[in-house]
C-alpha atoms as a PDB file:
ATOM      1  CA  UNK A   1     113.046  63.815 102.340  1.00  0.00           C
ATOM      2  CA  UNK A   2     115.538  61.052 101.616  1.00  0.00           C
ATOM      3  CA  UNK A   3     114.169  57.578 100.952  1.00  0.00           C
ATOM      4  CA  UNK A   4     116.330  56.204 103.798  1.00  0.00           C
ATOM      5  CA  UNK A   5     114.348  58.063 106.477  1.00  0.00           C
ATOM      6  CA  UNK A   6     110.788  57.316 105.395  1.00  0.00           C
ATOM      7  CA  UNK A   7     108.474  55.420 107.749  1.00  0.00           C
ATOM      8  CA  UNK A   8     108.770  52.247 105.682  1.00  0.00           C
ATOM      9  CA  UNK A   9     112.585  52.408 105.510  1.00  0.00           C
ATOM     10  CA  UNK A  10     112.972  53.063 109.232  1.00  0.00           C
ATOM     11  CA  UNK A  11     110.582  50.255 110.174  1.00  0.00           C
ATOM     12  CA  UNK A  12     112.358  47.864 107.807  1.00  0.00           C
ATOM     13  CA  UNK A  13     115.716  48.637 109.406  1.00  0.00           C
ATOM     14  CA  UNK A  14     114.306  48.214 112.921  1.00  0.00           C
ATOM     15  CA  UNK A  15     112.744  44.853 112.061  1.00  0.00           C
ATOM     16  CA  UNK A  16     116.008  43.797 110.441  1.00  0.00           C
ATOM     17  CA  UNK A  17     117.725  44.104 113.825  1.00  0.00           C
ATOM     18  CA  UNK A  18     115.277  41.596 115.387  1.00  0.00           C
ATOM     19  CA  UNK A  19     116.442  37.963 115.375  1.00  0.00           C
ATOM     20  CA  UNK A  20     114.923  35.845 112.641  1.00  0.00           C
ATOM     21  CA  UNK A  21     113.548  33.396 115.190  1.00  0.00           C
ATOM     22  CA  UNK A  22     111.086  35.978 116.443  1.00  0.00           C
ATOM     23  CA  UNK A  23     107.773  36.553 114.618  1.00  0.00           C
ATOM     24  CA  UNK A  24     108.085  39.908 112.778  1.00  0.00           C
ATOM     25  CA  UNK A  25     104.978  39.710 110.595  1.00  0.00           C
ATOM     26  CA  UNK A  26     102.487  42.582 110.555  1.00  0.00           C
ATOM     27  CA  UNK A  27     100.251  42.237 113.591  1.00  0.00           C
ATOM     28  CA  UNK A  28     102.893  40.492 115.680  1.00  0.00           C
ATOM     29  CA  UNK A  29     103.885  41.890 119.069  1.00  0.00           C
ATOM     30  CA  UNK A  30     107.310  43.084 117.901  1.00  0.00           C
ATOM     31  CA  UNK A  31     105.882  44.646 114.739  1.00  0.00           C
ATOM     32  CA  UNK A  32     103.167  46.494 116.660  1.00  0.00           C
ATOM     33  CA  UNK A  33     105.756  47.704 119.185  1.00  0.00           C
ATOM     34  CA  UNK A  34     108.179  49.054 116.572  1.00  0.00           C
ATOM     35  CA  UNK A  35     105.685  50.600 114.103  1.00  0.00           C
ATOM     36  CA  UNK A  36     104.669  53.596 116.308  1.00  0.00           C
ATOM     37  CA  UNK A  37     108.326  54.326 117.099  1.00  0.00           C
ATOM     38  CA  UNK A  38     109.169  54.262 113.372  1.00  0.00           C
ATOM     39  CA  UNK A  39     106.323  56.676 112.641  1.00  0.00           C
ATOM     40  CA  UNK A  40     107.581  59.124 115.289  1.00  0.00           C
ATOM     41  CA  UNK A  41     111.131  58.918 113.952  1.00  0.00           C
ATOM     42  CA  UNK A  42     109.916  59.583 110.416  1.00  0.00           C
ATOM     43  CA  UNK A  43     107.997  62.625 111.668  1.00  0.00           C
ATOM     44  CA  UNK A  44     111.112  63.819 113.470  1.00  0.00           C
ATOM     45  CA  UNK A  45     113.104  63.645 110.234  1.00  0.00           C
ATOM     46  CA  UNK A  46     110.394  65.673 108.472  1.00  0.00           C
ATOM     47  CA  UNK A  47     110.646  68.338 111.183  1.00  0.00           C
ATOM     48  CA  UNK A  48     114.436  68.377 110.903  1.00  0.00           C
ATOM     49  CA  UNK A  49     114.208  68.868 107.154  1.00  0.00           C
ATOM     50  CA  UNK A  50     111.711  71.699 107.590  1.00  0.00           C
ATOM     51  CA  UNK A  51     113.956  73.363 110.160  1.00  0.00           C
ATOM     52  CA  UNK A  52     116.901  73.137 107.799  1.00  0.00           C
ATOM     53  CA  UNK A  53     114.836  74.598 104.954  1.00  0.00           C
ATOM     54  CA  UNK A  54     113.737  77.522 107.113  1.00  0.00           C
ATOM     55  CA  UNK A  55     117.288  78.226 108.244  1.00  0.00           C
ATOM     56  CA  UNK A  56     118.634  79.472 104.897  1.00  0.00           C
ATOM     57  CA  UNK A  57     117.613  82.643 103.096  1.00  0.00           C
ATOM     58  CA  UNK A  58     117.114  80.970  99.714  1.00  0.00           C
ATOM     59  CA  UNK A  59     114.435  78.624 101.095  1.00  0.00           C
ATOM     60  CA  UNK A  60     113.108  80.370 104.230  1.00  0.00           C
ATOM     61  CA  UNK A  61     109.641  81.931 104.203  1.00  0.00           C
ATOM     62  CA  UNK A  62     107.539  84.231 106.352  1.00  0.00           C
ATOM     63  CA  UNK A  63     108.800  85.053 109.828  1.00  0.00           C
ATOM     64  CA  UNK A  64     111.812  82.757 109.400  1.00  0.00           C
ATOM     65  CA  UNK A  65     112.970  84.747 106.381  1.00  0.00           C
ATOM     66  CA  UNK A  66     112.421  87.936 108.397  1.00  0.00           C
ATOM     67  CA  UNK A  67     114.622  86.632 111.189  1.00  0.00           C
ATOM     68  CA  UNK A  68     117.332  85.645 108.722  1.00  0.00           C
ATOM     69  CA  UNK A  69     117.439  89.000 106.920  1.00  0.00           C
ATOM     70  CA  UNK A  70     117.249  90.973 110.178  1.00  0.00           C
ATOM     71  CA  UNK A  71     120.664  89.568 111.079  1.00  0.00           C
ATOM     72  CA  UNK A  72     121.996  91.856 108.340  1.00  0.00           C
ATOM     73  CA  UNK A  73     119.811  94.836 109.238  1.00  0.00           C
ATOM     74  CA  UNK A  74     117.351  94.161 106.403  1.00  0.00           C
ATOM     75  CA  UNK A  75     113.704  94.363 107.431  1.00  0.00           C
ATOM     76  CA  UNK A  76     110.614  93.542 105.411  1.00  0.00           C
ATOM     77  CA  UNK A  77     109.081  96.704 103.954  1.00  0.00           C
ATOM     78  CA  UNK A  78     105.582  97.241 105.401  1.00  0.00           C
ATOM     79  CA  UNK A  79     102.566  98.217 103.327  1.00  0.00           C
ATOM     80  CA  UNK A  80     102.427 101.954 102.580  1.00  0.00           C
ATOM     81  CA  UNK A  81      99.525 104.306 101.921  1.00  0.00           C
ATOM     82  CA  UNK A  82      98.745 105.748  98.496  1.00  0.00           C
ATOM     83  CA  UNK A  83      98.850 109.510  98.081  1.00  0.00           C
ATOM     84  CA  UNK A  84      96.459 110.855  95.495  1.00  0.00           C
ATOM     85  CA  UNK A  85      95.320 114.162  94.031  1.00  0.00           C
ATOM     86  CA  UNK A  86      91.767 115.196  94.898  1.00  0.00           C
ATOM     87  CA  UNK A  87      89.768 117.791  92.933  1.00  0.00           C
ATOM     88  CA  UNK A  88      87.044 119.757  94.718  1.00  0.00           C
ATOM     89  CA  UNK A  89      84.438 122.120  93.270  1.00  0.00           C
ATOM     90  CA  UNK A  90      81.629 124.348  94.429  1.00  0.00           C
ATOM     91  CA  UNK A  91      78.576 124.871  92.222  1.00  0.00           C
ATOM     92  CA  UNK A  92      79.424 126.093  88.739  1.00  0.00           C
ATOM     93  CA  UNK A  93      82.688 124.088  88.735  1.00  0.00           C
ATOM     94  CA  UNK A  94      84.418 126.734  90.858  1.00  0.00           C
ATOM     95  CA  UNK A  95      87.511 125.289  92.594  1.00  0.00           C
ATOM     96  CA  UNK A  96      86.861 124.883  96.314  1.00  0.00           C
ATOM     97  CA  UNK A  97      89.293 124.685  99.193  1.00  0.00           C
ATOM     98  CA  UNK A  98      88.401 122.135 101.837  1.00  0.00           C
ATOM     99  CA  UNK A  99      89.549 121.844 105.444  1.00  0.00           C
ATOM    100  CA  UNK A 100      92.654 119.771 106.178  1.00  0.00           C
ATOM    101  CA  UNK A 101      91.666 116.448 107.693  1.00  0.00           C
ATOM    102  CA  UNK A 102      88.388 116.209 105.775  1.00  0.00           C
ATOM    103  CA  UNK A 103      87.593 112.589 104.918  1.00  0.00           C
ATOM    104  CA  UNK A 104      86.115 111.218 101.710  1.00  0.00           C
ATOM    105  CA  UNK A 105      85.181 107.738 100.540  1.00  0.00           C
ATOM    106  CA  UNK A 106      84.985 105.710  97.350  1.00  0.00           C
ATOM    107  CA  UNK A 107      83.288 102.328  97.138  1.00  0.00           C
ATOM    108  CA  UNK A 108      85.460 100.669  99.787  1.00  0.00           C
ATOM    109  CA  UNK A 109      88.277 103.048 100.760  1.00  0.00           C
ATOM    110  CA  UNK A 110      88.589 106.283 102.695  1.00  0.00           C
ATOM    111  CA  UNK A 111      90.927 109.184 101.898  1.00  0.00           C
ATOM    112  CA  UNK A 112      92.005 112.058 104.150  1.00  0.00           C
ATOM    113  CA  UNK A 113      92.924 115.567 102.951  1.00  0.00           C
ATOM    114  CA  UNK A 114      96.546 116.229 103.945  1.00  0.00           C
ATOM    115  CA  UNK A 115      97.704 119.442 102.257  1.00  0.00           C
ATOM    116  CA  UNK A 116      96.707 121.911  99.556  1.00  0.00           C
ATOM    117  CA  UNK A 117      98.381 121.598  96.150  1.00  0.00           C
ATOM    118  CA  UNK A 118      96.556 124.396  94.282  1.00  0.00           C
ATOM    119  CA  UNK A 119      93.141 126.029  94.233  1.00  0.00           C
ATOM    120  CA  UNK A 120      90.650 123.175  94.590  1.00  0.00           C
ATOM    121  CA  UNK A 121      93.434 120.550  94.459  1.00  0.00           C
ATOM    122  CA  UNK A 122      94.465 118.643  97.580  1.00  0.00           C
ATOM    123  CA  UNK A 123      96.874 115.887  98.482  1.00  0.00           C
ATOM    124  CA  UNK A 124      94.838 112.934  99.775  1.00  0.00           C
ATOM    125  CA  UNK A 125      96.158 109.942 101.675  1.00  0.00           C
ATOM    126  CA  UNK A 126      94.398 106.605 101.652  1.00  0.00           C
ATOM    127  CA  UNK A 127      93.640 105.385 105.154  1.00  0.00           C
ATOM    128  CA  UNK A 128      94.152 101.778 104.069  1.00  0.00           C
ATOM    129  CA  UNK A 129      97.754 100.781 103.399  1.00  0.00           C
ATOM    130  CA  UNK A 130      98.517  98.839 100.232  1.00  0.00           C
ATOM    131  CA  UNK A 131      98.174  98.953  96.452  1.00  0.00           C
ATOM    132  CA  UNK A 132      94.373  99.027  96.691  1.00  0.00           C
ATOM    133  CA  UNK A 133      94.591 102.781  97.227  1.00  0.00           C
ATOM    134  CA  UNK A 134      95.988 103.230  93.708  1.00  0.00           C
ATOM    135  CA  UNK A 135      93.091 101.699  91.804  1.00  0.00           C
ATOM    136  CA  UNK A 136      89.924 103.768  92.103  1.00  0.00           C
ATOM    137  CA  UNK A 137      89.274 106.991  90.193  1.00  0.00           C
ATOM    138  CA  UNK A 138      86.248 109.226  89.951  1.00  0.00           C
ATOM    139  CA  UNK A 139      83.637 110.426  92.392  1.00  0.00           C
ATOM    140  CA  UNK A 140      84.422 110.962  96.064  1.00  0.00           C
ATOM    141  CA  UNK A 141      81.723 111.193  98.713  1.00  0.00           C
ATOM    142  CA  UNK A 142      82.303 113.345 101.807  1.00  0.00           C
ATOM    143  CA  UNK A 143      82.113 111.483 105.105  1.00  0.00           C
ATOM    144  CA  UNK A 144      81.734 114.710 107.057  1.00  0.00           C
ATOM    145  CA  UNK A 145      79.839 117.789 105.868  1.00  0.00           C
ATOM    146  CA  UNK A 146      81.956 120.183 103.780  1.00  0.00           C
ATOM    147  CA  UNK A 147      80.362 123.573 103.230  1.00  0.00           C
ATOM    148  CA  UNK A 148      79.680 124.570  99.600  1.00  0.00           C
ATOM    149  CA  UNK A 149      81.031 121.295  98.208  1.00  0.00           C
ATOM    150  CA  UNK A 150      79.211 120.310  95.003  1.00  0.00           C
ATOM    151  CA  UNK A 151      81.593 117.763  93.470  1.00  0.00           C
ATOM    152  CA  UNK A 152      84.708 115.862  94.511  1.00  0.00           C
ATOM    153  CA  UNK A 153      86.909 113.663  92.327  1.00  0.00           C
ATOM    154  CA  UNK A 154      89.765 111.273  93.027  1.00  0.00           C
ATOM    155  CA  UNK A 155      92.432 111.969  90.422  1.00  0.00           C
ATOM    156  CA  UNK A 156      96.128 111.215  89.824  1.00  0.00           C
ATOM    157  CA  UNK A 157      98.253 108.789  91.806  1.00  0.00           C
ATOM    158  CA  UNK A 158     101.043 110.967  93.184  1.00  0.00           C
ATOM    159  CA  UNK A 159     102.824 108.335  95.279  1.00  0.00           C
ATOM    160  CA  UNK A 160     101.626 104.755  94.775  1.00  0.00           C
ATOM    161  CA  UNK A 161     100.706 102.678  97.795  1.00  0.00           C
ATOM    162  CA  UNK A 162     102.560  99.401  98.184  1.00  0.00           C
ATOM    163  CA  UNK A 163     101.542  96.056  99.628  1.00  0.00           C
ATOM    164  CA  UNK A 164     103.809  94.551 102.253  1.00  0.00           C
ATOM    165  CA  UNK A 165     107.007  93.217 100.718  1.00  0.00           C
ATOM    166  CA  UNK A 166     106.668  89.656  99.487  1.00  0.00           C
ATOM    167  CA  UNK A 167     109.023  86.839 100.427  1.00  0.00           C
ATOM    168  CA  UNK A 168     110.513  86.810  96.922  1.00  0.00           C
ATOM    169  CA  UNK A 169     111.138  90.572  96.920  1.00  0.00           C
ATOM    170  CA  UNK A 170     112.669  90.524 100.408  1.00  0.00           C
ATOM    171  CA  UNK A 171     114.864  87.552  99.487  1.00  0.00           C
ATOM    172  CA  UNK A 172     116.074  89.285  96.318  1.00  0.00           C
ATOM    173  CA  UNK A 173     116.850  92.505  98.210  1.00  0.00           C
ATOM    174  CA  UNK A 174     118.717  90.514 100.844  1.00  0.00           C
ATOM    175  CA  UNK A 175     120.820  88.764  98.200  1.00  0.00           C
ATOM    176  CA  UNK A 176     121.609  92.081  96.513  1.00  0.00           C
ATOM    177  CA  UNK A 177     122.745  93.686  99.749  1.00  0.00           C
ATOM    178  CA  UNK A 178     124.858  90.693 100.744  1.00  0.00           C
ATOM    179  CA  UNK A 179     126.429  90.130  97.330  1.00  0.00           C
ATOM    180  CA  UNK A 180     126.704  93.752  96.125  1.00  0.00           C
ATOM    181  CA  UNK A 181     128.183  95.561  99.078  1.00  0.00           C
ATOM    182  CA  UNK A 182     126.890  99.153  99.146  1.00  0.00           C
ATOM    183  CA  UNK A 183     129.516 101.705 100.153  1.00  0.00           C
ATOM    184  CA  UNK A 184     130.054 105.446  99.994  1.00  0.00           C
ATOM    185  CA  UNK A 185     127.852 106.267  97.029  1.00  0.00           C
ATOM    186  CA  UNK A 186     128.676 103.380  94.699  1.00  0.00           C
ATOM    187  CA  UNK A 187     125.983 102.098  92.368  1.00  0.00           C
ATOM    188  CA  UNK A 188     124.817  99.436  94.828  1.00  0.00           C
ATOM    189  CA  UNK A 189     124.518 102.102  97.527  1.00  0.00           C
ATOM    190  CA  UNK A 190     122.335 104.332  95.344  1.00  0.00           C
ATOM    191  CA  UNK A 191     120.142 101.399  94.332  1.00  0.00           C
ATOM    192  CA  UNK A 192     119.620 100.410  97.954  1.00  0.00           C
ATOM    193  CA  UNK A 193     118.849 103.948  99.163  1.00  0.00           C
ATOM    194  CA  UNK A 194     116.489 104.757  96.279  1.00  0.00           C
ATOM    195  CA  UNK A 195     114.761 101.383  96.347  1.00  0.00           C
ATOM    196  CA  UNK A 196     113.840 101.892 100.012  1.00  0.00           C
ATOM    197  CA  UNK A 197     111.856 105.082  99.276  1.00  0.00           C
ATOM    198  CA  UNK A 198     108.076 104.691  99.269  1.00  0.00           C
ATOM    199  CA  UNK A 199     106.699 104.563  95.740  1.00  0.00           C
ATOM    200  CA  UNK A 200     109.964 103.616  94.016  1.00  0.00           C
ATOM    201  CA  UNK A 201     109.779 100.215  92.346  1.00  0.00           C
ATOM    202  CA  UNK A 202     113.008 100.184  90.346  1.00  0.00           C
ATOM    203  CA  UNK A 203     116.012 102.366  89.579  1.00  0.00           C
ATOM    204  CA  UNK A 204     118.796 102.755  87.046  1.00  0.00           C
ATOM    205  CA  UNK A 205     121.987 104.614  87.967  1.00  0.00           C
ATOM    206  CA  UNK A 206     124.063 106.565  85.428  1.00  0.00           C
ATOM    207  CA  UNK A 207     127.367 107.589  87.063  1.00  0.00           C
ATOM    208  CA  UNK A 208     129.314 110.640  85.795  1.00  0.00           C
ATOM    209  CA  UNK A 209     126.558 111.223  83.237  1.00  0.00           C
ATOM    210  CA  UNK A 210     127.300 114.967  83.019  1.00  0.00           C
ATOM    211  CA  UNK A 211     130.905 115.032  84.140  1.00  0.00           C
ATOM    212  CA  UNK A 212     132.733 114.039  87.290  1.00  0.00           C
ATOM    213  CA  UNK A 213     130.703 114.141  90.478  1.00  0.00           C
ATOM    214  CA  UNK A 214     127.349 113.936  88.681  1.00  0.00           C
ATOM    215  CA  UNK A 215     124.923 111.048  89.038  1.00  0.00           C
ATOM    216  CA  UNK A 216     121.612 110.480  87.276  1.00  0.00           C
ATOM    217  CA  UNK A 217     119.004 108.127  88.686  1.00  0.00           C
ATOM    218  CA  UNK A 218     115.975 107.101  86.627  1.00  0.00           C
ATOM    219  CA  UNK A 219     113.146 105.599  88.681  1.00  0.00           C
ATOM    220  CA  UNK A 220     109.965 103.669  88.024  1.00  0.00           C
ATOM    221  CA  UNK A 221     107.039 103.383  90.435  1.00  0.00           C
ATOM    222  CA  UNK A 222     106.000 100.308  92.369  1.00  0.00           C
ATOM    223  CA  UNK A 223     103.154  99.783  89.895  1.00  0.00           C
ATOM    224  CA  UNK A 224     105.673  99.968  87.019  1.00  0.00           C
ATOM    225  CA  UNK A 225     104.661 103.325  85.586  1.00  0.00           C
ATOM    226  CA  UNK A 226     106.329 106.684  85.091  1.00  0.00           C
ATOM    227  CA  UNK A 227     106.494 108.519  88.443  1.00  0.00           C
ATOM    228  CA  UNK A 228     104.569 111.715  89.082  1.00  0.00           C
ATOM    229  CA  UNK A 229     106.337 115.069  89.397  1.00  0.00           C
ATOM    230  CA  UNK A 230     105.501 115.008  93.115  1.00  0.00           C
ATOM    231  CA  UNK A 231     107.249 111.670  93.626  1.00  0.00           C
ATOM    232  CA  UNK A 232     110.296 112.784  91.627  1.00  0.00           C
ATOM    233  CA  UNK A 233     110.504 115.947  93.726  1.00  0.00           C
ATOM    234  CA  UNK A 234     110.219 113.921  96.941  1.00  0.00           C
ATOM    235  CA  UNK A 235     112.967 111.518  95.885  1.00  0.00           C
ATOM    236  CA  UNK A 236     115.175 114.423  94.764  1.00  0.00           C
ATOM    237  CA  UNK A 237     114.807 116.077  98.167  1.00  0.00           C
ATOM    238  CA  UNK A 238     115.673 112.881 100.026  1.00  0.00           C
ATOM    239  CA  UNK A 239     118.710 112.038  97.888  1.00  0.00           C
ATOM    240  CA  UNK A 240     120.179 115.465  97.018  1.00  0.00           C
ATOM    241  CA  UNK A 241     118.014 118.600  97.540  1.00  0.00           C
ATOM    242  CA  UNK A 242     118.293 120.945  94.565  1.00  0.00           C
ATOM    243  CA  UNK A 243     118.881 124.008  96.742  1.00  0.00           C
ATOM    244  CA  UNK A 244     121.850 122.266  98.413  1.00  0.00           C
ATOM    245  CA  UNK A 245     123.127 120.223  95.486  1.00  0.00           C
ATOM    246  CA  UNK A 246     126.361 118.343  96.157  1.00  0.00           C
ATOM    247  CA  UNK A 247     126.566 119.407  99.799  1.00  0.00           C
ATOM    248  CA  UNK A 248     125.602 116.052 101.284  1.00  0.00           C
ATOM    249  CA  UNK A 249     122.315 117.286 102.737  1.00  0.00           C
ATOM    250  CA  UNK A 250     120.525 114.131 101.529  1.00  0.00           C
ATOM    251  CA  UNK A 251     121.546 110.494 101.237  1.00  0.00           C
ATOM    252  CA  UNK A 252     124.054 111.302  98.495  1.00  0.00           C
ATOM    253  CA  UNK A 253     127.684 111.724  99.589  1.00  0.00           C
ATOM    254  CA  UNK A 254     129.292 115.166  99.694  1.00  0.00           C
ATOM    255  CA  UNK A 255     130.348 116.199  96.184  1.00  0.00           C
ATOM    256  CA  UNK A 256     127.734 114.125  94.344  1.00  0.00           C
ATOM    257  CA  UNK A 257     125.238 116.184  92.368  1.00  0.00           C
ATOM    258  CA  UNK A 258     122.324 113.828  91.776  1.00  0.00           C
ATOM    259  CA  UNK A 259     119.566 114.309  89.224  1.00  0.00           C
ATOM    260  CA  UNK A 260     116.402 112.258  89.682  1.00  0.00           C
ATOM    261  CA  UNK A 261     114.381 111.519  86.539  1.00  0.00           C
ATOM    262  CA  UNK A 262     111.353 109.392  85.847  1.00  0.00           C
ATOM    263  CA  UNK A 263     111.174 106.515  83.402  1.00  0.00           C
ATOM    264  CA  UNK A 264     109.634 107.882  80.192  1.00  0.00           C
ATOM    265  CA  UNK A 265     106.495 106.179  78.936  1.00  0.00           C
ATOM    266  CA  UNK A 266     106.400 105.354  75.219  1.00  0.00           C
ATOM    267  CA  UNK A 267     103.030 104.553  73.696  1.00  0.00           C
ATOM    268  CA  UNK A 268     103.131 101.356  71.634  1.00  0.00           C
ATOM    269  CA  UNK A 269     100.475 101.275  68.947  1.00  0.00           C
ATOM    270  CA  UNK A 270      99.819  97.846  67.441  1.00  0.00           C
ATOM    271  CA  UNK A 271      98.160  96.999  64.140  1.00  0.00           C
ATOM    272  CA  UNK A 272      97.680  93.473  62.830  1.00  0.00           C
ATOM    273  CA  UNK A 273      95.677  91.292  60.482  1.00  0.00           C
ATOM    274  CA  UNK A 274      94.019  88.458  62.345  1.00  0.00           C
ATOM    275  CA  UNK A 275      92.432  85.251  61.102  1.00  0.00           C
ATOM    276  CA  UNK A 276      89.524  84.249  63.306  1.00  0.00           C
ATOM    277  CA  UNK A 277      87.708  80.977  63.808  1.00  0.00           C
ATOM    278  CA  UNK A 278      84.248  80.534  62.301  1.00  0.00           C
ATOM    279  CA  UNK A 279      81.605  82.566  64.073  1.00  0.00           C
ATOM    280  CA  UNK A 280      84.135  84.830  65.860  1.00  0.00           C
ATOM    281  CA  UNK A 281      84.225  88.579  65.283  1.00  0.00           C
ATOM    282  CA  UNK A 282      86.942  91.141  66.003  1.00  0.00           C
ATOM    283  CA  UNK A 283      84.715  92.756  68.611  1.00  0.00           C
ATOM    284  CA  UNK A 284      84.642  89.498  70.561  1.00  0.00           C
ATOM    285  CA  UNK A 285      88.414  89.157  70.758  1.00  0.00           C
ATOM    286  CA  UNK A 286      89.531  92.799  70.920  1.00  0.00           C
ATOM    287  CA  UNK A 287      89.513  93.187  74.699  1.00  0.00           C
ATOM    288  CA  UNK A 288      91.329  89.868  75.216  1.00  0.00           C
ATOM    289  CA  UNK A 289      93.970  90.805  72.636  1.00  0.00           C
ATOM    290  CA  UNK A 290      94.499  94.192  74.279  1.00  0.00           C
ATOM    291  CA  UNK A 291      94.801  92.477  77.667  1.00  0.00           C
ATOM    292  CA  UNK A 292      97.369  90.010  76.286  1.00  0.00           C
ATOM    293  CA  UNK A 293      99.455  92.804  74.766  1.00  0.00           C
ATOM    294  CA  UNK A 294      99.159  94.851  77.960  1.00  0.00           C
ATOM    295  CA  UNK A 295     100.368  91.898  80.040  1.00  0.00           C
ATOM    296  CA  UNK A 296     103.438  91.525  77.807  1.00  0.00           C
ATOM    297  CA  UNK A 297     104.300  95.216  78.089  1.00  0.00           C
ATOM    298  CA  UNK A 298     103.833  95.033  81.863  1.00  0.00           C
ATOM    299  CA  UNK A 299     106.285  92.142  81.982  1.00  0.00           C
ATOM    300  CA  UNK A 300     108.815  94.268  80.105  1.00  0.00           C
ATOM    301  CA  UNK A 301     108.307  97.164  82.523  1.00  0.00           C
ATOM    302  CA  UNK A 302     108.800  94.848  85.488  1.00  0.00           C
ATOM    303  CA  UNK A 303     112.221  93.895  84.063  1.00  0.00           C
ATOM    304  CA  UNK A 304     113.180  97.485  83.184  1.00  0.00           C
ATOM    305  CA  UNK A 305     115.548  98.059  86.120  1.00  0.00           C
ATOM    306  CA  UNK A 306     117.483  94.854  85.382  1.00  0.00           C
ATOM    307  CA  UNK A 307     117.877  95.475  81.625  1.00  0.00           C
ATOM    308  CA  UNK A 308     120.133  97.970  79.869  1.00  0.00           C
ATOM    309  CA  UNK A 309     117.224  98.795  77.556  1.00  0.00           C
ATOM    310  CA  UNK A 310     113.954  97.195  76.507  1.00  0.00           C
ATOM    311  CA  UNK A 311     112.898  95.833  73.122  1.00  0.00           C
ATOM    312  CA  UNK A 312     109.240  95.289  72.235  1.00  0.00           C
ATOM    313  CA  UNK A 313     109.303  92.316  69.895  1.00  0.00           C
ATOM    314  CA  UNK A 314     106.821  91.634  67.137  1.00  0.00           C
ATOM    315  CA  UNK A 315     107.133  87.872  67.624  1.00  0.00           C
ATOM    316  CA  UNK A 316     106.220  88.187  71.293  1.00  0.00           C
ATOM    317  CA  UNK A 317     103.199  90.334  70.478  1.00  0.00           C
ATOM    318  CA  UNK A 318     101.986  87.815  67.898  1.00  0.00           C
ATOM    319  CA  UNK A 319     102.549  84.794  70.155  1.00  0.00           C
ATOM    320  CA  UNK A 320     100.430  86.371  72.895  1.00  0.00           C
ATOM    321  CA  UNK A 321      97.694  87.295  70.453  1.00  0.00           C
ATOM    322  CA  UNK A 322      97.588  83.674  69.318  1.00  0.00           C
ATOM    323  CA  UNK A 323      96.770  82.554  72.880  1.00  0.00           C
ATOM    324  CA  UNK A 324      93.431  84.378  72.686  1.00  0.00           C
ATOM    325  CA  UNK A 325      90.536  81.958  72.030  1.00  0.00           C
ATOM    326  CA  UNK A 326      89.131  82.484  68.551  1.00  0.00           C
ATOM    327  CA  UNK A 327      92.392  83.793  67.028  1.00  0.00           C
ATOM    328  CA  UNK A 328      93.726  81.317  64.448  1.00  0.00           C
ATOM    329  CA  UNK A 329      96.545  83.331  62.871  1.00  0.00           C
ATOM    330  CA  UNK A 330      98.208  86.756  63.054  1.00  0.00           C
ATOM    331  CA  UNK A 331     100.096  88.517  60.272  1.00  0.00           C
ATOM    332  CA  UNK A 332     101.319  91.944  59.105  1.00  0.00           C
ATOM    333  CA  UNK A 333     101.895  93.066  62.688  1.00  0.00           C
ATOM    334  CA  UNK A 334     103.282  96.582  63.018  1.00  0.00           C
ATOM    335  CA  UNK A 335     104.515  98.502  66.068  1.00  0.00           C
ATOM    336  CA  UNK A 336     104.151 102.274  65.806  1.00  0.00           C
ATOM    337  CA  UNK A 337     103.821 101.921  62.049  1.00  0.00           C
ATOM    338  CA  UNK A 338     106.882  99.719  61.559  1.00  0.00           C
ATOM    339  CA  UNK A 339     107.157  95.979  60.955  1.00  0.00           C
ATOM    340  CA  UNK A 340     110.405  95.854  62.976  1.00  0.00           C
ATOM    341  CA  UNK A 341     110.910  95.376  66.685  1.00  0.00           C
ATOM    342  CA  UNK A 342     110.619  98.564  68.723  1.00  0.00           C
ATOM    343  CA  UNK A 343     113.868  99.370  70.559  1.00  0.00           C
ATOM    344  CA  UNK A 344     113.601 101.762  73.479  1.00  0.00           C
ATOM    345  CA  UNK A 345     116.198 103.929  75.161  1.00  0.00           C
ATOM    346  CA  UNK A 346     117.557 102.966  78.565  1.00  0.00           C
ATOM    347  CA  UNK A 347     115.145 105.311  80.364  1.00  0.00           C
ATOM    348  CA  UNK A 348     112.015 104.431  78.373  1.00  0.00           C
ATOM    349  CA  UNK A 349     109.208 102.012  79.243  1.00  0.00           C
ATOM    350  CA  UNK A 350     106.442 100.727  76.928  1.00  0.00           C
ATOM    351  CA  UNK A 351     102.723 101.279  77.562  1.00  0.00           C
ATOM    352  CA  UNK A 352      99.886 100.097  75.364  1.00  0.00           C
ATOM    353  CA  UNK A 353      98.498 102.545  72.846  1.00  0.00           C
ATOM    354  CA  UNK A 354      95.959 102.116  70.064  1.00  0.00           C
ATOM    355  CA  UNK A 355      95.305  98.558  68.882  1.00  0.00           C
ATOM    356  CA  UNK A 356      94.008  98.310  65.295  1.00  0.00           C
ATOM    357  CA  UNK A 357      92.780  94.905  64.126  1.00  0.00           C
ATOM    358  CA  UNK A 358      91.565  93.879  60.694  1.00  0.00           C
ATOM    359  CA  UNK A 359      90.661  90.647  58.924  1.00  0.00           C
END
């Protein structure tokens, strides 16, 4: 708020309009009469500033940002439910088919059997929307009795669940739509259509990659990992079904043959010589170092869609290792056996591999 509309500034201007012959000191009648009015005016200016802030997309938040983006047909993406693979066995590890609609629980979440994938393998949907449905793995407990069931496991994430779209994500999507007008199958159009599909967190478009009329789209999941075959198949069907390729049966325009591919994960193995403070052992710092490296690689994956290709840099790895308490120095760092930076292809993403530390 400007200094000219603060309580003190407003009151000073009001008192300045009172003749000098009248007592204007604090506690005087005129002072006590003007002070409450100045306070209300100052509050009014604060409200006006807030209203102005909430009127523009670059500063609006919450419902006000929703109302702004809805003027352009852009709505906040709601939370979606995770779809997982469930494994079910009778005694003797014999695959067991369960009834559709059967419900199973983990520590806090409940999953419902939707459809059969293979013998003893079922598509499960988390009943709670959001990214929480992606996290748990392992034992499932039946809520209702399932005949002959001896063991149930929660396995792969097939389609990640997403939390409701954040203000920053909605604002960015709004700016992209407004500034990069999607039309008739241009790159902006493909990015918008693919980005709106549940489970897709980022996309790269490669036009005419295999001749005229061909388009390749590489996608990454909302949790910044390589997508499952099930998600790729689902996206392919929505954009350009394989059995009707180029016929405009999906979102893709007539004549566009679209190939959907997943971002390829590349394991990044790190070895380094570390100097530790007195009394610190490698075992004490290993988990923190692995977490620091993992956070850096996650940051790279989050920027994958916006970058032509990613580079895992030795200097960045070392700088993050040095933030770990107990680590004094780092040297002889190697990525996948090389002392150089690791350059990835446009469709590749880095994930942490083996971390070897020595003193």
